[in-house]
Amino acid sequence: MTEMLAPGMRRTAQRTMVYNAIVRLGGHCTADEITAELHTAQPRFPRSTVYRSLEALTASGSVYAAHLGDGPTHYELATGDHHHAVCQMCGGVLHIEEELVSALETHLEGLHRFKPTHTEVLVVGVCETCSRTPGRKSLHRHTLEHVHHAGAGSGS
């Protein structure tokens, strides 16, 4: 496991447990989902400790807090820039490929002489599954398939 906390931050059992829960859940998880995951092994793990640990892990740069539309904050391991498309019906999340964001930044620099120093992309819309049942908000987050655009390395 990579170093969880920034130098000088205390590594506590609780922070480690919260970090490991995010790893097990695969990221894009809410504080409630992290709490539920921790409750499978430790039913009395305090929700307030989850929030304090998330705050410390986010401040250290170990965890990224993604504010995806109107829903709750989602947490994932900080592994570089994060660009997302989120379904407004079910809350499903899709990572936007870095190549697409780089192309946008290159366009801004080349055509508009605007040099991006920090880019955050959030696209809100409706996923394919939810579009088949218009007007009905899903109770469950769908898993959104990652689709490579033409020209992005090997296709899958």
N, C-alpha and C. Protein backbone atom coordinates (compact mmCIF):
# COMPACT_ATOMS: atom_id res chain seq x y z
N MET A 1 0.86 -1.19 0.00
CA MET A 1 0.00 0.00 0.00
C MET A 1 0.90 1.24 0.00
N THR A 2 0.51 2.22 -0.76
CA THR A 2 1.28 3.46 -0.79
C THR A 2 1.09 4.20 0.53
N GLU A 3 1.93 5.16 0.77
CA GLU A 3 1.84 5.96 1.99
C GLU A 3 0.51 6.69 2.04
N MET A 4 -0.27 6.42 3.09
CA MET A 4 -1.62 6.98 3.20
C MET A 4 -1.62 8.45 3.57
N LEU A 5 -0.81 8.80 4.51
CA LEU A 5 -0.90 10.15 5.08
C LEU A 5 0.33 10.96 4.73
N ALA A 6 0.14 12.24 4.65
CA ALA A 6 1.24 13.15 4.38
C ALA A 6 2.22 13.12 5.54
N PRO A 7 3.48 13.46 5.28
CA PRO A 7 4.46 13.49 6.36
C PRO A 7 3.98 14.38 7.51
N GLY A 8 4.16 13.90 8.72
CA GLY A 8 3.77 14.66 9.90
C GLY A 8 2.37 14.35 10.40
N MET A 9 1.55 13.69 9.59
CA MET A 9 0.21 13.32 10.05
C MET A 9 0.27 11.99 10.78
N ARG A 10 -0.51 11.90 11.84
CA ARG A 10 -0.54 10.65 12.60
C ARG A 10 -1.25 9.55 11.83
N ARG A 11 -0.65 8.38 11.83
CA ARG A 11 -1.29 7.21 11.23
C ARG A 11 -2.02 6.50 12.37
N THR A 12 -3.35 6.56 12.37
CA THR A 12 -4.13 5.93 13.43
C THR A 12 -4.82 4.68 12.88
N ALA A 13 -5.22 3.81 13.77
CA ALA A 13 -5.94 2.60 13.37
C ALA A 13 -7.23 2.96 12.65
N GLN A 14 -7.91 4.00 13.11
CA GLN A 14 -9.18 4.40 12.50
C GLN A 14 -8.97 4.93 11.08
N ARG A 15 -7.96 5.76 10.88
CA ARG A 15 -7.68 6.28 9.54
C ARG A 15 -7.32 5.14 8.59
N THR A 16 -6.53 4.20 9.09
CA THR A 16 -6.15 3.05 8.28
C THR A 16 -7.37 2.23 7.91
N MET A 17 -8.29 2.03 8.84
CA MET A 17 -9.50 1.26 8.57
C MET A 17 -10.37 1.96 7.52
N VAL A 18 -10.51 3.27 7.62
CA VAL A 18 -11.31 4.02 6.65
C VAL A 18 -10.64 3.95 5.28
N TYR A 19 -9.34 4.15 5.22
CA TYR A 19 -8.59 4.08 3.96
C TYR A 19 -8.78 2.71 3.32
N ASN A 20 -8.62 1.65 4.12
CA ASN A 20 -8.76 0.29 3.60
C ASN A 20 -10.19 -0.01 3.14
N ALA A 21 -11.17 0.59 3.80
CA ALA A 21 -12.57 0.42 3.36
C ALA A 21 -12.76 1.02 1.98
N ILE A 22 -12.16 2.18 1.73
CA ILE A 22 -12.25 2.81 0.40
C ILE A 22 -11.60 1.90 -0.63
N VAL A 23 -10.46 1.30 -0.29
CA VAL A 23 -9.79 0.37 -1.19
C VAL A 23 -10.72 -0.81 -1.51
N ARG A 24 -11.32 -1.40 -0.48
CA ARG A 24 -12.21 -2.55 -0.69
C ARG A 24 -13.44 -2.19 -1.52
N LEU A 25 -13.97 -1.00 -1.31
CA LEU A 25 -15.17 -0.57 -2.05
C LEU A 25 -14.85 -0.13 -3.47
N GLY A 26 -13.60 0.06 -3.78
CA GLY A 26 -13.19 0.42 -5.14
C GLY A 26 -13.33 1.89 -5.48
N GLY A 27 -13.47 2.74 -4.47
CA GLY A 27 -13.58 4.17 -4.72
C GLY A 27 -14.98 4.60 -5.09
N HIS A 28 -15.15 5.88 -5.28
CA HIS A 28 -16.46 6.48 -5.57
C HIS A 28 -17.49 6.02 -4.55
N CYS A 29 -17.10 6.04 -3.28
CA CYS A 29 -18.01 5.62 -2.22
C CYS A 29 -18.30 6.80 -1.31
N THR A 30 -19.48 6.79 -0.74
CA THR A 30 -19.91 7.86 0.15
C THR A 30 -19.51 7.51 1.58
N ALA A 31 -19.60 8.49 2.46
CA ALA A 31 -19.30 8.25 3.87
C ALA A 31 -20.24 7.19 4.44
N ASP A 32 -21.50 7.21 4.01
CA ASP A 32 -22.46 6.19 4.47
C ASP A 32 -22.05 4.80 4.01
N GLU A 33 -21.58 4.68 2.77
CA GLU A 33 -21.14 3.37 2.26
C GLU A 33 -19.89 2.90 2.99
N ILE A 34 -18.99 3.83 3.30
CA ILE A 34 -17.78 3.48 4.05
C ILE A 34 -18.16 3.01 5.45
N THR A 35 -19.09 3.74 6.08
CA THR A 35 -19.55 3.36 7.42
C THR A 35 -20.17 1.97 7.39
N ALA A 36 -21.03 1.70 6.41
CA ALA A 36 -21.66 0.38 6.29
C ALA A 36 -20.62 -0.71 6.10
N GLU A 37 -19.61 -0.45 5.28
CA GLU A 37 -18.53 -1.41 5.07
C GLU A 37 -17.80 -1.70 6.37
N LEU A 38 -17.50 -0.66 7.13
CA LEU A 38 -16.80 -0.84 8.40
C LEU A 38 -17.67 -1.57 9.42
N HIS A 39 -18.98 -1.35 9.36
CA HIS A 39 -19.90 -2.00 10.30
C HIS A 39 -20.00 -3.50 10.08
N THR A 40 -19.58 -4.01 8.92
CA THR A 40 -19.61 -5.46 8.70
C THR A 40 -18.63 -6.16 9.64
N ALA A 41 -17.51 -5.51 9.95
CA ALA A 41 -16.52 -6.09 10.86
C ALA A 41 -16.62 -5.49 12.27
N GLN A 42 -16.98 -4.23 12.36
CA GLN A 42 -17.06 -3.53 13.65
C GLN A 42 -18.36 -2.74 13.71
N PRO A 43 -19.44 -3.38 14.16
CA PRO A 43 -20.76 -2.73 14.14
C PRO A 43 -20.84 -1.42 14.91
N ARG A 44 -19.94 -1.18 15.84
CA ARG A 44 -20.02 0.04 16.65
C ARG A 44 -19.05 1.13 16.18
N PHE A 45 -18.46 0.97 15.00
CA PHE A 45 -17.51 1.97 14.50
C PHE A 45 -18.28 3.28 14.31
N PRO A 46 -17.88 4.35 15.00
CA PRO A 46 -18.66 5.60 14.98
C PRO A 46 -18.62 6.31 13.62
N ARG A 47 -19.78 6.75 13.18
CA ARG A 47 -19.88 7.52 11.94
C ARG A 47 -19.04 8.80 12.03
N SER A 48 -19.01 9.42 13.21
CA SER A 48 -18.23 10.65 13.38
C SER A 48 -16.74 10.39 13.15
N THR A 49 -16.27 9.20 13.51
CA THR A 49 -14.87 8.84 13.28
C THR A 49 -14.61 8.68 11.79
N VAL A 50 -15.59 8.15 11.05
CA VAL A 50 -15.45 8.03 9.60
C VAL A 50 -15.27 9.43 9.00
N TYR A 51 -16.10 10.38 9.40
CA TYR A 51 -16.01 11.74 8.87
C TYR A 51 -14.69 12.41 9.25
N ARG A 52 -14.25 12.24 10.49
CA ARG A 52 -12.97 12.84 10.90
C ARG A 52 -11.81 12.21 10.14
N SER A 53 -11.86 10.90 9.95
CA SER A 53 -10.80 10.22 9.21
C SER A 53 -10.79 10.65 7.75
N LEU A 54 -11.97 10.77 7.14
CA LEU A 54 -12.04 11.24 5.75
C LEU A 54 -11.48 12.65 5.62
N GLU A 55 -11.77 13.49 6.60
CA GLU A 55 -11.24 14.85 6.59
C GLU A 55 -9.72 14.84 6.63
N ALA A 56 -9.14 14.01 7.50
CA ALA A 56 -7.68 13.92 7.62
C ALA A 56 -7.07 13.33 6.36
N LEU A 57 -7.68 12.27 5.82
CA LEU A 57 -7.15 11.63 4.61
C LEU A 57 -7.25 12.56 3.40
N THR A 58 -8.31 13.35 3.34
CA THR A 58 -8.46 14.32 2.26
C THR A 58 -7.44 15.45 2.40
N ALA A 59 -7.27 15.95 3.62
CA ALA A 59 -6.30 17.02 3.87
C ALA A 59 -4.88 16.57 3.55
N SER A 60 -4.59 15.29 3.77
CA SER A 60 -3.24 14.78 3.51
C SER A 60 -2.98 14.57 2.03
N GLY A 61 -4.05 14.59 1.23
CA GLY A 61 -3.89 14.33 -0.20
C GLY A 61 -3.95 12.86 -0.54
N SER A 62 -4.27 12.01 0.42
CA SER A 62 -4.33 10.57 0.19
C SER A 62 -5.65 10.15 -0.44
N VAL A 63 -6.69 10.91 -0.14
CA VAL A 63 -8.03 10.61 -0.63
C VAL A 63 -8.57 11.86 -1.32
N TYR A 64 -9.28 11.65 -2.40
CA TYR A 64 -9.90 12.74 -3.15
C TYR A 64 -11.39 12.75 -2.83
N ALA A 65 -11.91 13.92 -2.49
CA ALA A 65 -13.34 14.09 -2.25
C ALA A 65 -13.96 14.69 -3.50
N ALA A 66 -14.81 13.92 -4.15
CA ALA A 66 -15.45 14.36 -5.39
C ALA A 66 -16.87 14.82 -5.09
N HIS A 67 -17.15 16.07 -5.40
CA HIS A 67 -18.49 16.62 -5.22
C HIS A 67 -19.20 16.49 -6.57
N LEU A 68 -19.99 15.45 -6.69
CA LEU A 68 -20.58 15.08 -7.98
C LEU A 68 -22.04 15.48 -8.04
N GLY A 69 -22.29 16.67 -8.51
CA GLY A 69 -23.67 17.13 -8.63
C GLY A 69 -24.30 17.40 -7.28
N ASP A 70 -25.58 17.08 -7.17
CA ASP A 70 -26.33 17.38 -5.96
C ASP A 70 -26.20 16.32 -4.87
N GLY A 71 -25.68 15.17 -5.19
CA GLY A 71 -25.63 14.07 -4.24
C GLY A 71 -24.54 14.23 -3.20
N PRO A 72 -24.35 13.19 -2.40
CA PRO A 72 -23.33 13.25 -1.36
C PRO A 72 -21.92 13.22 -1.95
N THR A 73 -20.97 13.64 -1.17
CA THR A 73 -19.56 13.60 -1.57
C THR A 73 -19.14 12.15 -1.72
N HIS A 74 -18.38 11.87 -2.78
CA HIS A 74 -17.83 10.54 -3.02
C HIS A 74 -16.33 10.60 -2.77
N TYR A 75 -15.78 9.53 -2.23
CA TYR A 75 -14.37 9.48 -1.89
C TYR A 75 -13.69 8.38 -2.69
N GLU A 76 -12.46 8.68 -3.10
CA GLU A 76 -11.64 7.69 -3.80
C GLU A 76 -10.18 7.98 -3.51
N LEU A 77 -9.33 6.99 -3.78
CA LEU A 77 -7.91 7.19 -3.56
C LEU A 77 -7.40 8.24 -4.53
N ALA A 78 -6.54 9.10 -4.05
CA ALA A 78 -5.99 10.18 -4.87
C ALA A 78 -4.89 9.61 -5.74
N THR A 79 -5.17 9.46 -7.01
CA THR A 79 -4.20 8.91 -7.94
C THR A 79 -4.02 9.83 -9.14
N GLY A 80 -3.97 11.12 -8.91
CA GLY A 80 -3.82 12.07 -9.99
C GLY A 80 -5.09 12.87 -10.17
N ASP A 81 -5.21 13.52 -11.34
CA ASP A 81 -6.39 14.33 -11.62
C ASP A 81 -7.63 13.46 -11.72
N HIS A 82 -8.76 14.03 -11.38
CA HIS A 82 -10.02 13.30 -11.41
C HIS A 82 -11.04 14.07 -12.22
N HIS A 83 -11.51 13.45 -13.27
CA HIS A 83 -12.52 14.04 -14.13
C HIS A 83 -13.64 13.02 -14.26
N HIS A 84 -14.88 13.47 -14.08
CA HIS A 84 -15.98 12.53 -13.98
C HIS A 84 -17.19 12.92 -14.82
N ALA A 85 -17.94 11.89 -15.20
CA ALA A 85 -19.29 12.05 -15.71
C ALA A 85 -20.17 11.33 -14.69
N VAL A 86 -21.24 11.98 -14.25
CA VAL A 86 -22.10 11.40 -13.22
C VAL A 86 -23.54 11.40 -13.70
N CYS A 87 -24.23 10.29 -13.44
CA CYS A 87 -25.64 10.17 -13.81
C CYS A 87 -26.48 10.87 -12.74
N GLN A 88 -27.30 11.81 -13.17
CA GLN A 88 -28.12 12.56 -12.21
C GLN A 88 -29.29 11.73 -11.70
N MET A 89 -29.55 10.58 -12.31
CA MET A 89 -30.66 9.73 -11.87
C MET A 89 -30.22 8.70 -10.83
N CYS A 90 -29.10 8.02 -11.08
CA CYS A 90 -28.68 6.93 -10.19
C CYS A 90 -27.40 7.24 -9.42
N GLY A 91 -26.67 8.27 -9.83
CA GLY A 91 -25.42 8.60 -9.16
C GLY A 91 -24.23 7.81 -9.67
N GLY A 92 -24.41 7.02 -10.73
CA GLY A 92 -23.30 6.27 -11.31
C GLY A 92 -22.21 7.23 -11.77
N VAL A 93 -20.96 6.79 -11.67
CA VAL A 93 -19.82 7.65 -11.97
C VAL A 93 -18.93 6.99 -13.01
N LEU A 94 -18.45 7.79 -13.92
CA LEU A 94 -17.54 7.34 -14.97
C LEU A 94 -16.34 8.27 -14.99
N HIS A 95 -15.14 7.71 -15.02
CA HIS A 95 -13.95 8.55 -15.15
C HIS A 95 -13.84 9.01 -16.60
N ILE A 96 -13.54 10.28 -16.77
CA ILE A 96 -13.30 10.83 -18.10
C ILE A 96 -11.81 10.67 -18.38
N GLU A 97 -11.50 10.18 -19.55
CA GLU A 97 -10.12 9.90 -19.91
C GLU A 97 -9.26 11.16 -19.92
N GLU A 98 -8.07 11.02 -19.40
CA GLU A 98 -7.13 12.14 -19.32
C GLU A 98 -6.80 12.68 -20.71
N GLU A 99 -6.78 11.80 -21.72
CA GLU A 99 -6.48 12.25 -23.09
C GLU A 99 -7.50 13.29 -23.57
N LEU A 100 -8.76 13.11 -23.20
CA LEU A 100 -9.79 14.06 -23.61
C LEU A 100 -9.59 15.41 -22.93
N VAL A 101 -9.23 15.37 -21.66
CA VAL A 101 -9.00 16.61 -20.91
C VAL A 101 -7.76 17.31 -21.45
N SER A 102 -6.72 16.54 -21.75
CA SER A 102 -5.50 17.13 -22.33
C SER A 102 -5.79 17.80 -23.66
N ALA A 103 -6.66 17.18 -24.47
CA ALA A 103 -7.03 17.79 -25.75
C ALA A 103 -7.74 19.12 -25.53
N LEU A 104 -8.60 19.18 -24.53
CA LEU A 104 -9.29 20.43 -24.21
C LEU A 104 -8.28 21.50 -23.77
N GLU A 105 -7.33 21.12 -22.90
CA GLU A 105 -6.32 22.07 -22.43
C GLU A 105 -5.46 22.57 -23.60
N THR A 106 -5.09 21.66 -24.50
CA THR A 106 -4.30 22.03 -25.68
C THR A 106 -5.09 23.00 -26.55
N HIS A 107 -6.36 22.74 -26.73
CA HIS A 107 -7.23 23.63 -27.50
C HIS A 107 -7.26 25.02 -26.87
N LEU A 108 -7.44 25.09 -25.57
CA LEU A 108 -7.50 26.39 -24.88
C LEU A 108 -6.19 27.16 -25.04
N GLU A 109 -5.06 26.44 -24.92
CA GLU A 109 -3.75 27.09 -25.06
C GLU A 109 -3.51 27.55 -26.49
N GLY A 110 -3.74 26.64 -27.45
CA GLY A 110 -3.41 26.92 -28.83
C GLY A 110 -4.31 27.94 -29.49
N LEU A 111 -5.60 27.84 -29.28
CA LEU A 111 -6.55 28.71 -29.98
C LEU A 111 -6.95 29.94 -29.20
N HIS A 112 -6.86 29.87 -27.89
CA HIS A 112 -7.34 30.99 -27.07
C HIS A 112 -6.25 31.62 -26.20
N ARG A 113 -5.02 31.09 -26.30
CA ARG A 113 -3.89 31.59 -25.51
C ARG A 113 -4.22 31.63 -24.01
N PHE A 114 -4.93 30.59 -23.59
CA PHE A 114 -5.33 30.45 -22.19
C PHE A 114 -4.62 29.22 -21.64
N LYS A 115 -3.76 29.44 -20.63
CA LYS A 115 -2.97 28.33 -20.08
C LYS A 115 -3.63 27.80 -18.80
N PRO A 116 -4.24 26.62 -18.87
CA PRO A 116 -4.84 26.04 -17.66
C PRO A 116 -3.78 25.70 -16.62
N THR A 117 -4.06 26.03 -15.38
CA THR A 117 -3.17 25.65 -14.28
C THR A 117 -3.77 24.53 -13.45
N HIS A 118 -5.07 24.39 -13.49
CA HIS A 118 -5.77 23.32 -12.78
C HIS A 118 -7.08 23.07 -13.51
N THR A 119 -7.35 21.82 -13.82
CA THR A 119 -8.57 21.50 -14.55
C THR A 119 -9.39 20.47 -13.79
N GLU A 120 -10.65 20.77 -13.60
CA GLU A 120 -11.60 19.81 -13.03
C GLU A 120 -12.77 19.73 -13.99
N VAL A 121 -13.09 18.52 -14.43
CA VAL A 121 -14.19 18.34 -15.35
C VAL A 121 -15.26 17.49 -14.68
N LEU A 122 -16.49 17.99 -14.70
CA LEU A 122 -17.64 17.25 -14.20
C LEU A 122 -18.75 17.39 -15.24
N VAL A 123 -19.15 16.27 -15.79
CA VAL A 123 -20.24 16.25 -16.76
C VAL A 123 -21.42 15.54 -16.09
N VAL A 124 -22.54 16.21 -16.01
CA VAL A 124 -23.74 15.63 -15.40
C VAL A 124 -24.71 15.28 -16.51
N GLY A 125 -25.26 14.09 -16.46
CA GLY A 125 -26.20 13.65 -17.48
C GLY A 125 -26.97 12.44 -17.02
N VAL A 126 -27.40 11.62 -17.97
CA VAL A 126 -28.18 10.43 -17.66
C VAL A 126 -27.51 9.23 -18.33
N CYS A 127 -27.25 8.18 -17.56
CA CYS A 127 -26.60 6.99 -18.10
C CYS A 127 -27.57 6.21 -18.99
N GLU A 128 -27.03 5.27 -19.74
CA GLU A 128 -27.83 4.49 -20.68
C GLU A 128 -28.95 3.73 -19.96
N THR A 129 -28.64 3.11 -18.83
CA THR A 129 -29.65 2.33 -18.10
C THR A 129 -30.80 3.22 -17.65
N CYS A 130 -30.48 4.37 -17.07
CA CYS A 130 -31.53 5.28 -16.59
C CYS A 130 -32.31 5.91 -17.74
N SER A 131 -31.67 6.07 -18.89
CA SER A 131 -32.37 6.69 -20.03
C SER A 131 -33.47 5.77 -20.55
N ARG A 132 -33.39 4.47 -20.22
CA ARG A 132 -34.43 3.54 -20.64
C ARG A 132 -35.68 3.63 -19.77
N THR A 133 -35.57 4.28 -18.60
CA THR A 133 -36.72 4.46 -17.71
C THR A 133 -36.82 5.94 -17.35
N PRO A 134 -37.15 6.79 -18.31
CA PRO A 134 -37.16 8.24 -18.07
C PRO A 134 -38.15 8.63 -16.97
N GLY A 135 -37.73 9.61 -16.18
CA GLY A 135 -38.59 10.14 -15.14
C GLY A 135 -38.56 9.39 -13.83
N ARG A 136 -37.94 8.20 -13.81
CA ARG A 136 -37.86 7.42 -12.58
C ARG A 136 -36.45 7.46 -12.04
N LYS A 137 -36.27 8.03 -10.87
CA LYS A 137 -34.95 8.10 -10.25
C LYS A 137 -34.62 6.72 -9.68
N SER A 138 -33.44 6.22 -9.99
CA SER A 138 -33.02 4.90 -9.53
C SER A 138 -32.62 4.94 -8.06
N LEU A 139 -32.94 3.87 -7.35
CA LEU A 139 -32.53 3.75 -5.95
C LEU A 139 -31.12 3.20 -5.83
N HIS A 140 -30.60 2.63 -6.92
CA HIS A 140 -29.28 2.01 -6.90
C HIS A 140 -28.37 2.67 -7.92
N ARG A 141 -27.12 2.86 -7.53
CA ARG A 141 -26.13 3.43 -8.44
C ARG A 141 -25.74 2.36 -9.45
N HIS A 142 -25.82 2.69 -10.73
CA HIS A 142 -25.42 1.75 -11.77
C HIS A 142 -23.91 1.81 -11.99
N THR A 143 -23.35 0.70 -12.41
CA THR A 143 -21.95 0.66 -12.78
C THR A 143 -21.86 1.12 -14.23
N LEU A 144 -21.14 2.21 -14.44
CA LEU A 144 -21.03 2.75 -15.79
C LEU A 144 -19.81 2.17 -16.46
N GLU A 145 -19.99 1.69 -17.67
CA GLU A 145 -18.91 1.08 -18.43
C GLU A 145 -17.96 2.15 -18.94
N HIS A 146 -16.68 1.85 -18.87
CA HIS A 146 -15.68 2.77 -19.41
C HIS A 146 -15.55 2.46 -20.90
N VAL A 147 -15.77 3.44 -21.73
CA VAL A 147 -15.67 3.27 -23.17
C VAL A 147 -14.56 4.17 -23.68
N HIS A 148 -13.59 3.57 -24.36
CA HIS A 148 -12.49 4.36 -24.92
C HIS A 148 -12.96 5.06 -26.19
N HIS A 149 -12.57 6.32 -26.34
CA HIS A 149 -12.91 7.02 -27.58
C HIS A 149 -11.95 6.59 -28.67
N ALA A 150 -12.33 6.76 -29.91
CA ALA A 150 -11.48 6.40 -31.03
C ALA A 150 -10.19 7.20 -30.95
N GLY A 151 -9.07 6.52 -31.01
CA GLY A 151 -7.79 7.21 -30.97
C GLY A 151 -7.16 7.18 -29.60
N ALA A 152 -7.76 6.50 -28.64
CA ALA A 152 -7.17 6.39 -27.31
C ALA A 152 -6.57 5.01 -27.14
N GLY A 153 -5.35 4.85 -27.54
CA GLY A 153 -4.62 3.61 -27.29
C GLY A 153 -5.37 2.38 -27.76
N SER A 154 -5.26 1.30 -26.97
CA SER A 154 -5.92 0.06 -27.32
C SER A 154 -7.38 0.12 -26.96
N GLY A 155 -8.23 -0.32 -27.82
CA GLY A 155 -9.67 -0.25 -27.58
C GLY A 155 -10.16 -1.39 -26.73
N SER A 156 -11.09 -1.09 -25.82
CA SER A 156 -11.76 -2.13 -25.05
C SER A 156 -13.12 -1.65 -24.66
